PDB file of N, CA and C in Angstrom:
ATOM      1  N   LEU A   1       0.859  -1.166   0.005  1.00  0.00           N
ATOM      2  CA  LEU A   1       0.000  -0.003   0.003  1.00  0.00           C
ATOM      3  C   LEU A   1       0.901   1.229   0.011  1.00  0.00           C
ATOM      4  N   ARG A   2       0.881   1.975  -1.101  1.00  0.00           N
ATOM      5  CA  ARG A   2       1.595   3.251  -1.125  1.00  0.00           C
ATOM      6  C   ARG A   2       0.594   4.337  -0.700  1.00  0.00           C
ATOM      7  N   TRP A   3       1.008   5.169   0.225  1.00  0.00           N
ATOM      8  CA  TRP A   3       0.107   6.200   0.703  1.00  0.00           C
ATOM      9  C   TRP A   3       0.850   7.520   0.886  1.00  0.00           C
ATOM     10  N   GLU A   4       0.074   8.580   0.820  1.00  0.00           N
ATOM     11  CA  GLU A   4       0.620   9.927   0.996  1.00  0.00           C
ATOM     12  C   GLU A   4      -0.461  10.789   1.651  1.00  0.00           C
ATOM     13  N   THR A   5      -0.068  11.593   2.617  1.00  0.00           N
ATOM     14  CA  THR A   5      -1.001  12.552   3.209  1.00  0.00           C
ATOM     15  C   THR A   5      -0.389  13.943   3.146  1.00  0.00           C
ATOM     16  N   ARG A   6      -1.256  14.912   3.002  1.00  0.00           N
ATOM     17  CA  ARG A   6      -0.829  16.329   3.008  1.00  0.00           C
ATOM     18  C   ARG A   6      -1.682  17.052   4.009  1.00  0.00           C
ATOM     19  N   ASP A   7      -1.053  18.004   4.715  1.00  0.00           N
ATOM     20  CA  ASP A   7      -1.790  18.763   5.708  1.00  0.00           C
ATOM     21  C   ASP A   7      -2.978  19.460   5.098  1.00  0.00           C
ATOM     22  N   GLY A   8      -4.078  19.417   5.802  1.00  0.00           N
ATOM     23  CA  GLY A   8      -5.287  20.091   5.385  1.00  0.00           C
ATOM     24  C   GLY A   8      -5.467  21.388   6.158  1.00  0.00           C
ATOM     25  N   GLN A   9      -6.633  21.539   6.752  1.00  0.00           N
ATOM     26  CA  GLN A   9      -6.952  22.780   7.443  1.00  0.00           C
ATOM     27  C   GLN A   9      -6.269  22.946   8.808  1.00  0.00           C
ATOM     28  N   ALA A  10      -5.860  21.839   9.406  1.00  0.00           N
ATOM     29  CA  ALA A  10      -5.199  21.914  10.720  1.00  0.00           C
ATOM     30  C   ALA A  10      -3.820  21.244  10.608  1.00  0.00           C
ATOM     31  N   PRO A  11      -2.800  21.965  10.104  1.00  0.00           N
ATOM     32  CA  PRO A  11      -1.481  21.369   9.876  1.00  0.00           C
ATOM     33  C   PRO A  11      -0.923  20.633  11.096  1.00  0.00           C
ATOM     34  N   GLY A  12      -0.465  19.387  10.815  1.00  0.00           N
ATOM     35  CA  GLY A  12       0.137  18.564  11.875  1.00  0.00           C
ATOM     36  C   GLY A  12      -0.861  17.892  12.810  1.00  0.00           C
ATOM     37  N   ARG A  13      -2.155  18.124  12.618  1.00  0.00           N
ATOM     38  CA  ARG A  13      -3.142  17.553  13.531  1.00  0.00           C
ATOM     39  C   ARG A  13      -4.097  16.573  12.869  1.00  0.00           C
ATOM     40  N   GLY A  14      -4.069  16.468  11.559  1.00  0.00           N
ATOM     41  CA  GLY A  14      -4.946  15.562  10.860  1.00  0.00           C
ATOM     42  C   GLY A  14      -4.588  14.110  11.093  1.00  0.00           C
ATOM     43  N   LEU A  15      -5.522  13.227  10.834  1.00  0.00           N
ATOM     44  CA  LEU A  15      -5.314  11.793  11.028  1.00  0.00           C
ATOM     45  C   LEU A  15      -5.649  11.056   9.767  1.00  0.00           C
ATOM     46  N   PHE A  16      -4.845  10.030   9.466  1.00  0.00           N
ATOM     47  CA  PHE A  16      -5.093   9.113   8.349  1.00  0.00           C
ATOM     48  C   PHE A  16      -4.891   7.703   8.868  1.00  0.00           C
ATOM     49  N   ARG A  17      -5.878   6.833   8.650  1.00  0.00           N
ATOM     50  CA  ARG A  17      -5.765   5.455   9.083  1.00  0.00           C
ATOM     51  C   ARG A  17      -6.309   4.548   7.978  1.00  0.00           C
ATOM     52  N   ALA A  18      -5.549   3.539   7.579  1.00  0.00           N
ATOM     53  CA  ALA A  18      -5.968   2.531   6.602  1.00  0.00           C
ATOM     54  C   ALA A  18      -6.081   1.190   7.317  1.00  0.00           C
ATOM     55  N   THR A  19      -7.232   0.564   7.216  1.00  0.00           N
ATOM     56  CA  THR A  19      -7.498  -0.694   7.911  1.00  0.00           C
ATOM     57  C   THR A  19      -8.040  -1.711   6.918  1.00  0.00           C
ATOM     58  N   LEU A  20      -7.571  -2.941   6.981  1.00  0.00           N
ATOM     59  CA  LEU A  20      -8.096  -4.025   6.164  1.00  0.00           C
ATOM     60  C   LEU A  20      -9.218  -4.692   6.914  1.00  0.00           C
ATOM     61  N   HIS A  21     -10.354  -4.911   6.234  1.00  0.00           N
ATOM     62  CA  HIS A  21     -11.548  -5.510   6.835  1.00  0.00           C
ATOM     63  C   HIS A  21     -11.966  -6.761   6.096  1.00  0.00           C
ATOM     64  N   SER A  22     -12.557  -7.706   6.809  1.00  0.00           N
ATOM     65  CA  SER A  22     -13.119  -8.906   6.196  1.00  0.00           C
ATOM     66  C   SER A  22     -14.397  -8.540   5.435  1.00  0.00           C
ATOM     67  N   ALA A  23     -14.482  -8.987   4.185  1.00  0.00           N
ATOM     68  CA  ALA A  23     -15.699  -8.738   3.386  1.00  0.00           C
ATOM     69  C   ALA A  23     -16.851  -9.648   3.807  1.00  0.00           C
ATOM     70  N   ILE A  24     -16.568 -10.677   4.580  1.00  0.00           N
ATOM     71  CA  ILE A  24     -17.623 -11.608   5.038  1.00  0.00           C
ATOM     72  C   ILE A  24     -18.257 -11.069   6.322  1.00  0.00           C
ATOM     73  N   SER A  25     -17.438 -10.800   7.342  1.00  0.00           N
ATOM     74  CA  SER A  25     -17.970 -10.369   8.640  1.00  0.00           C
ATOM     75  C   SER A  25     -17.953  -8.845   8.819  1.00  0.00           C
ATOM     76  N   GLY A  26     -17.105  -8.181   8.042  1.00  0.00           N
ATOM     77  CA  GLY A  26     -16.963  -6.724   8.210  1.00  0.00           C
ATOM     78  C   GLY A  26     -16.001  -6.325   9.317  1.00  0.00           C
ATOM     79  N   ARG A  27     -15.475  -7.309  10.027  1.00  0.00           N
ATOM     80  CA  ARG A  27     -14.590  -6.992  11.166  1.00  0.00           C
ATOM     81  C   ARG A  27     -13.216  -6.532  10.658  1.00  0.00           C
ATOM     82  N   PRO A  28     -12.578  -5.637  11.434  1.00  0.00           N
ATOM     83  CA  PRO A  28     -11.238  -5.206  11.030  1.00  0.00           C
ATOM     84  C   PRO A  28     -10.241  -6.348  11.222  1.00  0.00           C
ATOM     85  N   LEU A  29      -9.377  -6.557  10.258  1.00  0.00           N
ATOM     86  CA  LEU A  29      -8.352  -7.618  10.319  1.00  0.00           C
ATOM     87  C   LEU A  29      -7.012  -7.057  10.789  1.00  0.00           C
ATOM     88  N   GLN A  30      -6.638  -5.902  10.293  1.00  0.00           N
ATOM     89  CA  GLN A  30      -5.382  -5.272  10.710  1.00  0.00           C
ATOM     90  C   GLN A  30      -5.338  -3.808  10.289  1.00  0.00           C
ATOM     91  N   THR A  31      -4.715  -3.002  11.133  1.00  0.00           N
ATOM     92  CA  THR A  31      -4.442  -1.614  10.799  1.00  0.00           C
ATOM     93  C   THR A  31      -3.129  -1.593  10.046  1.00  0.00           C
ATOM     94  N   ILE A  32      -3.162  -1.023   8.848  1.00  0.00           N
ATOM     95  CA  ILE A  32      -1.987  -1.014   7.983  1.00  0.00           C
ATOM     96  C   ILE A  32      -1.176   0.259   8.163  1.00  0.00           C
ATOM     97  N   VAL A  33      -1.873   1.386   8.278  1.00  0.00           N
ATOM     98  CA  VAL A  33      -1.191   2.692   8.449  1.00  0.00           C
ATOM     99  C   VAL A  33      -1.987   3.522   9.446  1.00  0.00           C
ATOM    100  N   GLU A  34      -1.282   4.207  10.289  1.00  0.00           N
ATOM    101  CA  GLU A  34      -1.887   5.234  11.136  1.00  0.00           C
ATOM    102  C   GLU A  34      -0.904   6.404  11.192  1.00  0.00           C
ATOM    103  N   GLN A  35      -1.301   7.554  10.638  1.00  0.00           N
ATOM    104  CA  GLN A  35      -0.396   8.683  10.477  1.00  0.00           C
ATOM    105  C   GLN A  35      -1.086   9.950  10.956  1.00  0.00           C
ATOM    106  N   THR A  36      -0.339  10.764  11.701  1.00  0.00           N
ATOM    107  CA  THR A  36      -0.807  12.078  12.107  1.00  0.00           C
ATOM    108  C   THR A  36      -0.083  13.112  11.250  1.00  0.00           C
ATOM    109  N   GLY A  37      -0.809  14.005  10.594  1.00  0.00           N
ATOM    110  CA  GLY A  37      -0.215  15.038   9.781  1.00  0.00           C
ATOM    111  C   GLY A  37       0.289  14.512   8.457  1.00  0.00           C
ATOM    112  N   ALA A  38       1.164  15.290   7.820  1.00  0.00           N
ATOM    113  CA  ALA A  38       1.667  14.950   6.495  1.00  0.00           C
ATOM    114  C   ALA A  38       2.693  13.834   6.551  1.00  0.00           C
ATOM    115  N   GLY A  39       2.733  13.008   5.512  1.00  0.00           N
ATOM    116  CA  GLY A  39       3.690  11.903   5.430  1.00  0.00           C
ATOM    117  C   GLY A  39       3.465  11.113   4.187  1.00  0.00           C
ATOM    118  N   ALA A  40       4.380  10.163   3.917  1.00  0.00           N
ATOM    119  CA  ALA A  40       4.266   9.277   2.774  1.00  0.00           C
ATOM    120  C   ALA A  40       5.158   8.060   3.026  1.00  0.00           C
ATOM    121  N   ASP A  41       4.718   6.909   2.536  1.00  0.00           N
ATOM    122  CA  ASP A  41       5.524   5.684   2.710  1.00  0.00           C
ATOM    123  C   ASP A  41       4.874   4.567   1.921  1.00  0.00           C
ATOM    124  N   THR A  42       5.471   3.410   1.987  1.00  0.00           N
ATOM    125  CA  THR A  42       4.907   2.178   1.443  1.00  0.00           C
ATOM    126  C   THR A  42       4.807   1.197   2.576  1.00  0.00           C
ATOM    127  N   ALA A  43       3.604   0.641   2.791  1.00  0.00           N
ATOM    128  CA  ALA A  43       3.376  -0.316   3.850  1.00  0.00           C
ATOM    129  C   ALA A  43       3.189  -1.685   3.225  1.00  0.00           C
ATOM    130  N   PHE A  44       3.969  -2.640   3.662  1.00  0.00           N
ATOM    131  CA  PHE A  44       3.850  -4.037   3.195  1.00  0.00           C
ATOM    132  C   PHE A  44       3.095  -4.807   4.247  1.00  0.00           C
ATOM    133  N   PHE A  45       2.095  -5.595   3.855  1.00  0.00           N
ATOM    134  CA  PHE A  45       1.347  -6.384   4.798  1.00  0.00           C
ATOM    135  C   PHE A  45       0.941  -7.679   4.134  1.00  0.00           C
ATOM    136  N   GLN A  46       0.614  -8.670   4.971  1.00  0.00           N
ATOM    137  CA  GLN A  46       0.210  -9.985   4.478  1.00  0.00           C
ATOM    138  C   GLN A  46      -1.004 -10.441   5.273  1.00  0.00           C
ATOM    139  N   ASP A  47      -1.879 -11.165   4.578  1.00  0.00           N
ATOM    140  CA  ASP A  47      -3.040 -11.725   5.222  1.00  0.00           C
ATOM    141  C   ASP A  47      -3.383 -13.042   4.568  1.00  0.00           C
ATOM    142  N   ASP A  48      -4.171 -13.867   5.224  1.00  0.00           N
ATOM    143  CA  ASP A  48      -4.625 -15.113   4.603  1.00  0.00           C
ATOM    144  C   ASP A  48      -5.451 -14.796   3.360  1.00  0.00           C
ATOM    145  N   PRO A  49      -5.460 -15.703   2.391  1.00  0.00           N
ATOM    146  CA  PRO A  49      -6.302 -15.483   1.211  1.00  0.00           C
ATOM    147  C   PRO A  49      -7.771 -15.422   1.612  1.00  0.00           C
ATOM    148  N   ARG A  50      -8.418 -14.319   1.331  1.00  0.00           N
ATOM    149  CA  ARG A  50      -9.832 -14.126   1.619  1.00  0.00           C
ATOM    150  C   ARG A  50     -10.298 -12.854   0.945  1.00  0.00           C
ATOM    151  N   VAL A  51     -11.596 -12.712   0.864  1.00  0.00           N
ATOM    152  CA  VAL A  51     -12.164 -11.489   0.296  1.00  0.00           C
ATOM    153  C   VAL A  51     -12.119 -10.426   1.385  1.00  0.00           C
ATOM    154  N   SER A  52     -11.544  -9.281   1.053  1.00  0.00           N
ATOM    155  CA  SER A  52     -11.396  -8.214   2.022  1.00  0.00           C
ATOM    156  C   SER A  52     -11.495  -6.881   1.332  1.00  0.00           C
ATOM    157  N   TYR A  53     -11.563  -5.809   2.126  1.00  0.00           N
ATOM    158  CA  TYR A  53     -11.603  -4.466   1.570  1.00  0.00           C
ATOM    159  C   TYR A  53     -10.856  -3.512   2.488  1.00  0.00           C
ATOM    160  N   LEU A  54     -10.477  -2.380   1.950  1.00  0.00           N
ATOM    161  CA  LEU A  54      -9.712  -1.388   2.657  1.00  0.00           C
ATOM    162  C   LEU A  54     -10.637  -0.261   3.126  1.00  0.00           C
ATOM    163  N   VAL A  55     -10.513   0.135   4.389  1.00  0.00           N
ATOM    164  CA  VAL A  55     -11.287   1.274   4.917  1.00  0.00           C
ATOM    165  C   VAL A  55     -10.310   2.379   5.251  1.00  0.00           C
ATOM    166  N   ILE A  56     -10.592   3.579   4.756  1.00  0.00           N
ATOM    167  CA  ILE A  56      -9.777   4.766   5.054  1.00  0.00           C
ATOM    168  C   ILE A  56     -10.578   5.659   5.981  1.00  0.00           C
ATOM    169  N   ASP A  57     -10.019   5.958   7.148  1.00  0.00           N
ATOM    170  CA  ASP A  57     -10.595   6.935   8.085  1.00  0.00           C
ATOM    171  C   ASP A  57      -9.626   8.112   8.098  1.00  0.00           C
ATOM    172  N   SER A  58     -10.181   9.340   7.896  1.00  0.00           N
ATOM    173  CA  SER A  58      -9.293  10.485   7.914  1.00  0.00           C
ATOM    174  C   SER A  58     -10.066  11.730   8.295  1.00  0.00           C
ATOM    175  N   HIS A  59      -9.299  12.713   8.813  1.00  0.00           N
ATOM    176  CA  HIS A  59      -9.845  14.035   9.011  1.00  0.00           C
ATOM    177  C   HIS A  59      -8.693  15.034   8.950  1.00  0.00           C
ATOM    178  N   ASP A  60      -8.957  16.173   8.369  1.00  0.00           N
ATOM    179  CA  ASP A  60      -8.011  17.278   8.273  1.00  0.00           C
ATOM    180  C   ASP A  60      -6.705  16.944   7.535  1.00  0.00           C
ATOM    181  N   VAL A  61      -6.744  15.971   6.630  1.00  0.00           N
ATOM    182  CA  VAL A  61      -5.609  15.707   5.730  1.00  0.00           C
ATOM    183  C   VAL A  61      -6.192  15.354   4.344  1.00  0.00           C
ATOM    184  N   ASP A  62      -5.435  15.694   3.324  1.00  0.00           N
ATOM    185  CA  ASP A  62      -5.714  15.214   1.979  1.00  0.00           C
ATOM    186  C   ASP A  62      -4.863  13.948   1.817  1.00  0.00           C
ATOM    187  N   TRP A  63      -5.420  12.917   1.168  1.00  0.00           N
ATOM    188  CA  TRP A  63      -4.675  11.673   1.068  1.00  0.00           C
ATOM    189  C   TRP A  63      -4.814  11.039  -0.286  1.00  0.00           C
ATOM    190  N   LYS A  64      -3.847  10.132  -0.572  1.00  0.00           N
ATOM    191  CA  LYS A  64      -3.836   9.390  -1.818  1.00  0.00           C
ATOM    192  C   LYS A  64      -3.278   8.004  -1.500  1.00  0.00           C
ATOM    193  N   VAL A  65      -3.903   6.950  -2.016  1.00  0.00           N
ATOM    194  CA  VAL A  65      -3.401   5.577  -1.799  1.00  0.00           C
ATOM    195  C   VAL A  65      -3.385   4.817  -3.113  1.00  0.00           C
ATOM    196  N   THR A  66      -2.472   3.870  -3.197  1.00  0.00           N
ATOM    197  CA  THR A  66      -2.403   2.905  -4.290  1.00  0.00           C
ATOM    198  C   THR A  66      -2.194   1.543  -3.656  1.00  0.00           C
ATOM    199  N   LEU A  67      -3.124   0.622  -3.914  1.00  0.00           N
ATOM    200  CA  LEU A  67      -3.041  -0.741  -3.346  1.00  0.00           C
ATOM    201  C   LEU A  67      -2.676  -1.696  -4.458  1.00  0.00           C
ATOM    202  N   GLU A  68      -1.610  -2.464  -4.265  1.00  0.00           N
ATOM    203  CA  GLU A  68      -1.184  -3.444  -5.253  1.00  0.00           C
ATOM    204  C   GLU A  68      -1.136  -4.809  -4.592  1.00  0.00           C
ATOM    205  N   GLU A  69      -1.543  -5.806  -5.322  1.00  0.00           N
ATOM    206  CA  GLU A  69      -1.493  -7.180  -4.811  1.00  0.00           C
ATOM    207  C   GLU A  69      -0.305  -7.911  -5.407  1.00  0.00           C
ATOM    208  N   ALA A  70       0.506  -8.478  -4.566  1.00  0.00           N
ATOM    209  CA  ALA A  70       1.628  -9.294  -5.025  1.00  0.00           C
ATOM    210  C   ALA A  70       1.105 -10.683  -5.379  1.00  0.00           C
ATOM    211  N   VAL A  71       1.617 -11.222  -6.472  1.00  0.00           N
ATOM    212  CA  VAL A  71       1.213 -12.557  -6.909  1.00  0.00           C
ATOM    213  C   VAL A  71       2.444 -13.396  -7.091  1.00  0.00           C
ATOM    214  N   LYS A  72       2.451 -14.552  -6.455  1.00  0.00           N
ATOM    215  CA  LYS A  72       3.598 -15.457  -6.571  1.00  0.00           C
ATOM    216  C   LYS A  72       3.484 -16.198  -7.900  1.00  0.00           C
ATOM    217  N   VAL A  73       4.581 -16.195  -8.667  1.00  0.00           N
ATOM    218  CA  VAL A  73       4.614 -16.869  -9.951  1.00  0.00           C
ATOM    219  C   VAL A  73       5.638 -18.004  -9.866  1.00  0.00           C
ATOM    220  N   THR A  74       5.216 -19.171 -10.247  1.00  0.00           N
ATOM    221  CA  THR A  74       6.093 -20.320 -10.282  1.00  0.00           C
ATOM    222  C   THR A  74       6.430 -20.651 -11.739  1.00  0.00           C
ATOM    223  N   PRO A  75       7.711 -20.527 -12.120  1.00  0.00           N
ATOM    224  CA  PRO A  75       8.063 -20.786 -13.520  1.00  0.00           C
ATOM    225  C   PRO A  75       7.859 -22.263 -13.853  1.00  0.00           C
ATOM    226  N   ARG A  76       7.452 -22.505 -15.075  1.00  0.00           N
ATOM    227  CA  ARG A  76       7.291 -23.888 -15.548  1.00  0.00           C
ATOM    228  C   ARG A  76       8.681 -24.457 -15.852  1.00  0.00           C
ATOM    229  N   PRO A  77       8.875 -25.716 -15.514  1.00  0.00           N
ATOM    230  CA  PRO A  77      10.184 -26.343 -15.835  1.00  0.00           C
ATOM    231  C   PRO A  77      10.348 -26.467 -17.339  1.00  0.00           C
ATOM    232  N   ALA A  78      11.556 -26.309 -17.802  1.00  0.00           N
ATOM    233  CA  ALA A  78      11.846 -26.438 -19.245  1.00  0.00           C
ATOM    234  C   ALA A  78      11.626 -27.891 -19.634  1.00  0.00           C
ATOM    235  N   SER A  79      11.025 -28.073 -20.814  1.00  0.00           N
ATOM    236  CA  SER A  79      10.801 -29.465 -21.262  1.00  0.00           C
ATOM    237  C   SER A  79      11.741 -29.896 -22.338  1.00  0.00           C
TER     238      SER A  79
END
């Protein structure tokens, strides 16, 4: 998850939180990012294979996220 926040109306006081939730029960599975004020980073996380969704909670920050799924590729043996 690549994320970036920029200060909004209250510099240094805004909150950004990204949480992964189960699409079956709706319960939170893990908090991926919790940031106060401006910042940017890449967060790597792992979870069991399941249907899930990302919830963004924020106030007083502008934010941008990009979520990418890693896929394991197994090369075929040469014949």
